[in-house]
């Protein structure tokens, strides 16, 4: 990083913001993220009891990849609704669902703090990588809980940026993770939200709170690709905040991309804390 980027600091508080963007690059990142975490997410939903005929809600659904996977599992007797603030993501999700001829899934725009869905109607309410971007995660969990029927499941998984390693050492990866954490916090997010999820769920009144930590290392290339893709999406927020210059971010992205095709460098995905609970 050059000296100007190191010494420049934000001069005012910044409003909460989804720092990863909602354009085509962000949609590509969500596809790769799902490729990395799909199997562990599906194992989580199975542990939570997802079954045919259930009605489910996916809050902060992005482009709807998990939403549509759930729709395939609950079958014609079930239904899944995905909600996201980003209209561009909702458009992609609707188009994909139409192409797949899915009749039991729908998507709509909505705020995570007040999803436009009926209360106490869902067998399972789910969110992945949503709460880490919010400045009031407890409020969002309370909103999710309100959507679940008595006895229904509330299932959340989100990142905890600690614990990422590389062998041999990869300074570029550590610099990226440092920037990620700084910009997330600056805009109201929490890159260490994962470790807090069990306690937050208990504070909400959810019961039978269980959790597991996963960190997929395969398929190897998508795991590695996710880091430079994330940095590319973060670039506007990083530059706006004065944490690095555009040239610095591009150089760091190139370093990370060089690791993707290097079989001698090993690093896993960012740890994901998975929590599955029950509403009393």
Protein backbone atom coordinates (compact mmCIF):
# COMPACT_ATOMS: atom_id res chain seq x y z
CA UNK A 1 0.00 0.00 0.00
CA UNK A 2 1.33 3.47 -0.73
CA UNK A 3 1.83 5.99 2.06
CA UNK A 4 -1.12 8.15 1.01
CA UNK A 5 -3.49 5.22 1.25
CA UNK A 6 -2.07 4.21 4.62
CA UNK A 7 -2.50 7.63 6.18
CA UNK A 8 -5.88 8.59 4.74
CA UNK A 9 -8.73 8.01 7.17
CA UNK A 10 -12.49 8.41 6.84
CA UNK A 11 -13.55 11.77 8.24
CA UNK A 12 -17.13 10.90 9.18
CA UNK A 13 -19.29 8.03 10.25
CA UNK A 14 -20.65 6.01 7.37
CA UNK A 15 -24.11 4.59 6.98
CA UNK A 16 -24.55 0.79 6.99
CA UNK A 17 -24.09 -0.57 3.50
CA UNK A 18 -23.79 -3.84 1.62
CA UNK A 19 -20.18 -3.39 0.61
CA UNK A 20 -19.99 -6.23 -1.92
CA UNK A 21 -22.21 -4.58 -4.54
CA UNK A 22 -25.14 -5.84 -6.57
CA UNK A 23 -23.80 -5.82 -10.14
CA UNK A 24 -22.87 -8.72 -12.43
CA UNK A 25 -19.51 -9.20 -10.68
CA UNK A 26 -21.33 -9.52 -7.36
CA UNK A 27 -23.72 -12.07 -8.89
CA UNK A 28 -20.74 -14.07 -10.16
CA UNK A 29 -19.24 -13.99 -6.68
CA UNK A 30 -22.47 -15.42 -5.24
CA UNK A 31 -22.33 -18.29 -7.76
CA UNK A 32 -18.79 -19.15 -6.68
CA UNK A 33 -19.69 -18.77 -3.00
CA UNK A 34 -22.50 -21.26 -3.50
CA UNK A 35 -20.13 -23.63 -5.29
CA UNK A 36 -17.83 -23.51 -2.26
CA UNK A 37 -20.47 -23.84 0.47
CA UNK A 38 -23.31 -25.70 -1.26
CA UNK A 39 -22.58 -29.11 0.26
CA UNK A 40 -22.10 -27.80 3.79
CA UNK A 41 -25.22 -25.63 3.50
CA UNK A 42 -27.24 -28.61 2.35
CA UNK A 43 -25.95 -30.73 5.23
CA UNK A 44 -27.03 -27.94 7.59
CA UNK A 45 -30.55 -27.83 6.15
CA UNK A 46 -30.84 -31.60 6.47
CA UNK A 47 -29.77 -31.41 10.13
CA UNK A 48 -32.43 -28.76 10.64
CA UNK A 49 -35.03 -31.22 9.35
CA UNK A 50 -35.98 -29.69 5.98
CA UNK A 51 -38.52 -31.97 4.38
CA UNK A 52 -41.13 -32.28 1.65
CA UNK A 53 -44.17 -30.08 2.05
CA UNK A 54 -42.49 -27.42 4.19
CA UNK A 55 -42.99 -23.70 3.67
CA UNK A 56 -39.68 -21.85 3.92
CA UNK A 57 -38.32 -18.30 3.75
CA UNK A 58 -34.81 -17.33 2.62
CA UNK A 59 -33.93 -13.87 3.94
CA UNK A 60 -31.19 -11.99 2.08
CA UNK A 61 -31.48 -14.61 -0.65
CA UNK A 62 -29.22 -12.88 -3.18
CA UNK A 63 -29.65 -14.51 -6.58
CA UNK A 64 -31.73 -17.30 -5.04
CA UNK A 65 -29.42 -20.29 -5.37
CA UNK A 66 -30.21 -21.72 -1.93
CA UNK A 67 -33.87 -20.71 -2.28
CA UNK A 68 -34.24 -22.76 -5.45
CA UNK A 69 -32.38 -25.73 -3.99
CA UNK A 70 -34.82 -25.73 -1.06
CA UNK A 71 -37.74 -25.48 -3.48
CA UNK A 72 -36.55 -28.61 -5.22
CA UNK A 73 -36.50 -30.44 -1.90
CA UNK A 74 -39.87 -29.37 -0.47
CA UNK A 75 -41.64 -30.43 -3.66
CA UNK A 76 -44.98 -29.37 -5.11
CA UNK A 77 -46.68 -29.46 -1.71
CA UNK A 78 -44.15 -27.01 -0.27
CA UNK A 79 -43.21 -23.44 -1.04
CA UNK A 80 -40.12 -21.26 -0.67
CA UNK A 81 -40.01 -17.46 -0.74
CA UNK A 82 -36.76 -15.55 -1.18
CA UNK A 83 -36.40 -11.92 -0.09
CA UNK A 84 -33.57 -9.49 -0.82
CA UNK A 85 -33.14 -5.72 -0.86
CA UNK A 86 -31.22 -5.80 -4.17
CA UNK A 87 -33.60 -5.60 -7.11
CA UNK A 88 -30.86 -6.75 -9.50
CA UNK A 89 -30.42 -9.97 -7.53
CA UNK A 90 -34.18 -10.55 -7.41
CA UNK A 91 -34.38 -10.12 -11.19
CA UNK A 92 -31.67 -12.74 -11.69
CA UNK A 93 -33.39 -15.11 -9.26
CA UNK A 94 -36.75 -14.78 -10.98
CA UNK A 95 -35.24 -15.36 -14.41
CA UNK A 96 -33.36 -18.46 -13.21
CA UNK A 97 -36.47 -19.88 -11.53
CA UNK A 98 -38.45 -19.35 -14.74
CA UNK A 99 -35.76 -21.09 -16.80
CA UNK A 100 -35.87 -24.03 -14.39
CA UNK A 101 -39.68 -24.04 -14.53
CA UNK A 102 -39.96 -23.93 -10.74
CA UNK A 103 -43.58 -23.39 -9.70
CA UNK A 104 -43.18 -23.50 -5.91
CA UNK A 105 -40.74 -20.62 -5.46
CA UNK A 106 -41.15 -16.85 -5.54
CA UNK A 107 -38.94 -13.85 -4.96
CA UNK A 108 -39.59 -10.35 -3.69
CA UNK A 109 -37.80 -7.24 -2.51
CA UNK A 110 -37.66 -6.64 1.20
CA UNK A 111 -35.74 -5.40 4.21
CA UNK A 112 -34.10 -7.96 6.50
CA UNK A 113 -35.38 -6.04 9.53
CA UNK A 114 -39.00 -6.17 8.33
CA UNK A 115 -39.45 -8.84 5.65
CA UNK A 116 -42.78 -8.41 3.81
CA UNK A 117 -43.95 -11.88 4.77
CA UNK A 118 -46.71 -13.23 7.03
CA UNK A 119 -45.78 -13.87 10.65
CA UNK A 120 -45.65 -17.34 12.21
CA UNK A 121 -46.29 -19.14 8.92
CA UNK A 122 -42.98 -20.78 7.97
CA UNK A 123 -41.61 -24.18 8.91
CA UNK A 124 -38.05 -22.96 8.30
CA UNK A 125 -36.56 -19.47 8.04
CA UNK A 126 -33.01 -19.28 6.71
CA UNK A 127 -30.21 -16.78 6.04
CA UNK A 128 -26.65 -17.21 4.74
CA UNK A 129 -24.01 -14.46 4.86
CA UNK A 130 -26.59 -11.81 5.69
CA UNK A 131 -26.03 -10.82 9.30
CA UNK A 132 -22.33 -9.99 8.82
CA UNK A 133 -23.44 -7.03 6.68
CA UNK A 134 -25.98 -5.65 9.14
CA UNK A 135 -25.50 -3.13 11.93
CA UNK A 136 -28.38 -4.63 13.96
CA UNK A 137 -28.03 -8.42 13.64
CA UNK A 138 -30.14 -9.16 16.74
CA UNK A 139 -33.03 -7.21 15.24
CA UNK A 140 -32.76 -9.25 12.03
CA UNK A 141 -32.83 -12.53 13.97
CA UNK A 142 -35.89 -11.30 15.85
CA UNK A 143 -37.57 -10.60 12.49
CA UNK A 144 -36.68 -14.08 11.26
CA UNK A 145 -38.01 -15.62 14.45
CA UNK A 146 -41.31 -13.79 14.04
CA UNK A 147 -41.76 -15.43 10.63
CA UNK A 148 -41.36 -18.98 11.96
CA UNK A 149 -44.37 -20.90 13.20
CA UNK A 150 -44.26 -22.30 16.76
CA UNK A 151 -41.92 -25.29 16.60
CA UNK A 152 -40.45 -24.04 13.35
CA UNK A 153 -36.74 -23.82 12.61
CA UNK A 154 -34.58 -20.72 12.33
CA UNK A 155 -31.33 -21.55 10.53
CA UNK A 156 -28.46 -19.11 10.08
CA UNK A 157 -24.93 -19.42 8.75
CA UNK A 158 -22.40 -16.65 8.50
CA UNK A 159 -18.67 -16.04 8.39
CA UNK A 160 -16.02 -15.65 11.03
CA UNK A 161 -12.87 -14.27 9.38
CA UNK A 162 -10.57 -15.57 12.07
CA UNK A 163 -8.83 -18.87 11.55
CA UNK A 164 -7.96 -18.55 7.85
CA UNK A 165 -4.47 -19.91 7.13
CA UNK A 166 -2.23 -20.40 4.14
CA UNK A 167 0.67 -22.75 3.53
CA UNK A 168 3.19 -21.67 2.52
CA UNK A 169 2.48 -18.24 3.94
CA UNK A 170 0.51 -15.99 1.58
CA UNK A 171 0.86 -12.35 2.67
CA UNK A 172 -1.58 -11.28 -0.06
CA UNK A 173 -4.35 -13.36 1.52
CA UNK A 174 -3.68 -11.86 4.96
CA UNK A 175 -3.70 -8.31 3.51
CA UNK A 176 -6.99 -9.04 1.79
CA UNK A 177 -8.56 -10.36 5.00
CA UNK A 178 -7.34 -7.29 6.88
CA UNK A 179 -8.92 -4.96 4.33
CA UNK A 180 -12.11 -7.01 4.34
CA UNK A 181 -12.49 -6.71 8.09
CA UNK A 182 -11.71 -2.99 8.14
CA UNK A 183 -14.15 -2.03 5.40
CA UNK A 184 -16.90 -4.28 6.77
CA UNK A 185 -16.66 -2.66 10.20
CA UNK A 186 -16.49 0.82 8.72
CA UNK A 187 -19.82 0.33 6.97
CA UNK A 188 -21.60 -1.23 9.92
CA UNK A 189 -20.94 -4.95 9.40
CA UNK A 190 -19.23 -7.54 11.56
CA UNK A 191 -16.72 -9.93 9.93
CA UNK A 192 -16.61 -11.97 13.16
CA UNK A 193 -20.38 -12.38 13.50
CA UNK A 194 -20.16 -16.16 13.24
CA UNK A 195 -18.88 -16.72 16.77
CA UNK A 196 -21.70 -14.56 18.15
CA UNK A 197 -24.58 -16.36 16.43
CA UNK A 198 -25.40 -18.96 19.14
CA UNK A 199 -25.60 -16.27 21.83
CA UNK A 200 -27.64 -13.92 19.64
CA UNK A 201 -30.10 -16.71 18.88
CA UNK A 202 -30.52 -17.47 22.57
CA UNK A 203 -31.06 -13.76 23.28
CA UNK A 204 -33.87 -13.84 20.74
CA UNK A 205 -35.57 -16.61 22.70
CA UNK A 206 -34.83 -19.43 20.28
CA UNK A 207 -34.35 -22.85 21.85
CA UNK A 208 -32.43 -26.04 21.11
CA UNK A 209 -29.60 -23.90 19.74
CA UNK A 210 -26.95 -26.00 18.03
CA UNK A 211 -23.98 -24.96 15.95
CA UNK A 212 -21.10 -26.23 13.87
CA UNK A 213 -18.13 -24.59 12.15
CA UNK A 214 -17.25 -25.55 8.57
CA UNK A 215 -14.41 -24.42 6.33
CA UNK A 216 -14.50 -26.20 2.96
CA UNK A 217 -11.21 -26.65 1.13
CA UNK A 218 -12.67 -28.37 -1.93
CA UNK A 219 -13.33 -27.82 -4.77
CA UNK A 220 -9.96 -26.12 -4.56
CA UNK A 221 -10.16 -23.57 -7.38
CA UNK A 222 -13.53 -22.09 -6.38
CA UNK A 223 -12.28 -21.81 -2.78
CA UNK A 224 -9.26 -19.87 -3.98
CA UNK A 225 -11.18 -17.83 -6.56
CA UNK A 226 -13.63 -16.58 -3.97
CA UNK A 227 -11.00 -14.38 -2.32
CA UNK A 228 -10.01 -12.27 -5.37
CA UNK A 229 -13.64 -12.12 -6.49
CA UNK A 230 -14.59 -10.74 -3.08
CA UNK A 231 -11.80 -8.17 -3.21
CA UNK A 232 -12.93 -7.04 -6.67
CA UNK A 233 -16.44 -6.49 -5.35
CA UNK A 234 -15.12 -4.63 -2.30
CA UNK A 235 -12.91 -2.32 -4.36
CA UNK A 236 -15.34 0.64 -4.64
CA UNK A 237 -16.01 0.67 -0.88
CA UNK A 238 -12.31 0.29 -0.04
CA UNK A 239 -11.31 3.17 -2.30
CA UNK A 240 -14.19 5.37 -1.14
CA UNK A 241 -13.15 4.82 2.48
CA UNK A 242 -9.54 5.70 1.76
CA UNK A 243 -8.24 2.34 2.95
CA UNK A 244 -6.27 1.76 -0.28
CA UNK A 245 -6.00 3.17 -3.78
CA UNK A 246 -7.58 1.53 -6.81
CA UNK A 247 -4.10 0.61 -8.03
CA UNK A 248 -3.28 -1.03 -4.69
CA UNK A 249 -6.48 -3.10 -4.79
CA UNK A 250 -5.82 -4.17 -8.39
CA UNK A 251 -2.29 -5.26 -7.51
CA UNK A 252 -3.50 -7.25 -4.50
CA UNK A 253 -6.22 -8.87 -6.61
CA UNK A 254 -3.61 -9.93 -9.17
CA UNK A 255 -1.52 -11.49 -6.39
CA UNK A 256 -4.51 -13.46 -5.15
CA UNK A 257 -5.42 -14.58 -8.66
CA UNK A 258 -1.87 -15.91 -9.10
CA UNK A 259 -2.50 -18.23 -6.14
CA UNK A 260 -5.60 -19.75 -7.76
CA UNK A 261 -3.57 -21.76 -10.27
CA UNK A 262 -0.69 -22.53 -7.91
CA UNK A 263 -1.18 -26.08 -6.56
CA UNK A 264 1.63 -25.61 -4.05
CA UNK A 265 -0.31 -22.98 -2.09
CA UNK A 266 -3.02 -24.27 0.22
CA UNK A 267 -5.72 -22.29 1.96
CA UNK A 268 -9.30 -23.10 2.96
CA UNK A 269 -12.45 -21.05 2.67
CA UNK A 270 -13.38 -18.55 5.35
CA UNK A 271 -14.88 -20.40 8.36
CA UNK A 272 -18.67 -20.46 8.35
CA UNK A 273 -20.56 -20.84 11.63
CA UNK A 274 -23.81 -22.74 11.12
CA UNK A 275 -26.60 -22.46 13.69
CA UNK A 276 -29.88 -24.37 13.67
CA UNK A 277 -32.53 -23.62 16.27
CA UNK A 278 -36.19 -24.03 17.12
CA UNK A 279 -38.88 -21.49 17.91
CA UNK A 280 -40.83 -22.30 21.05
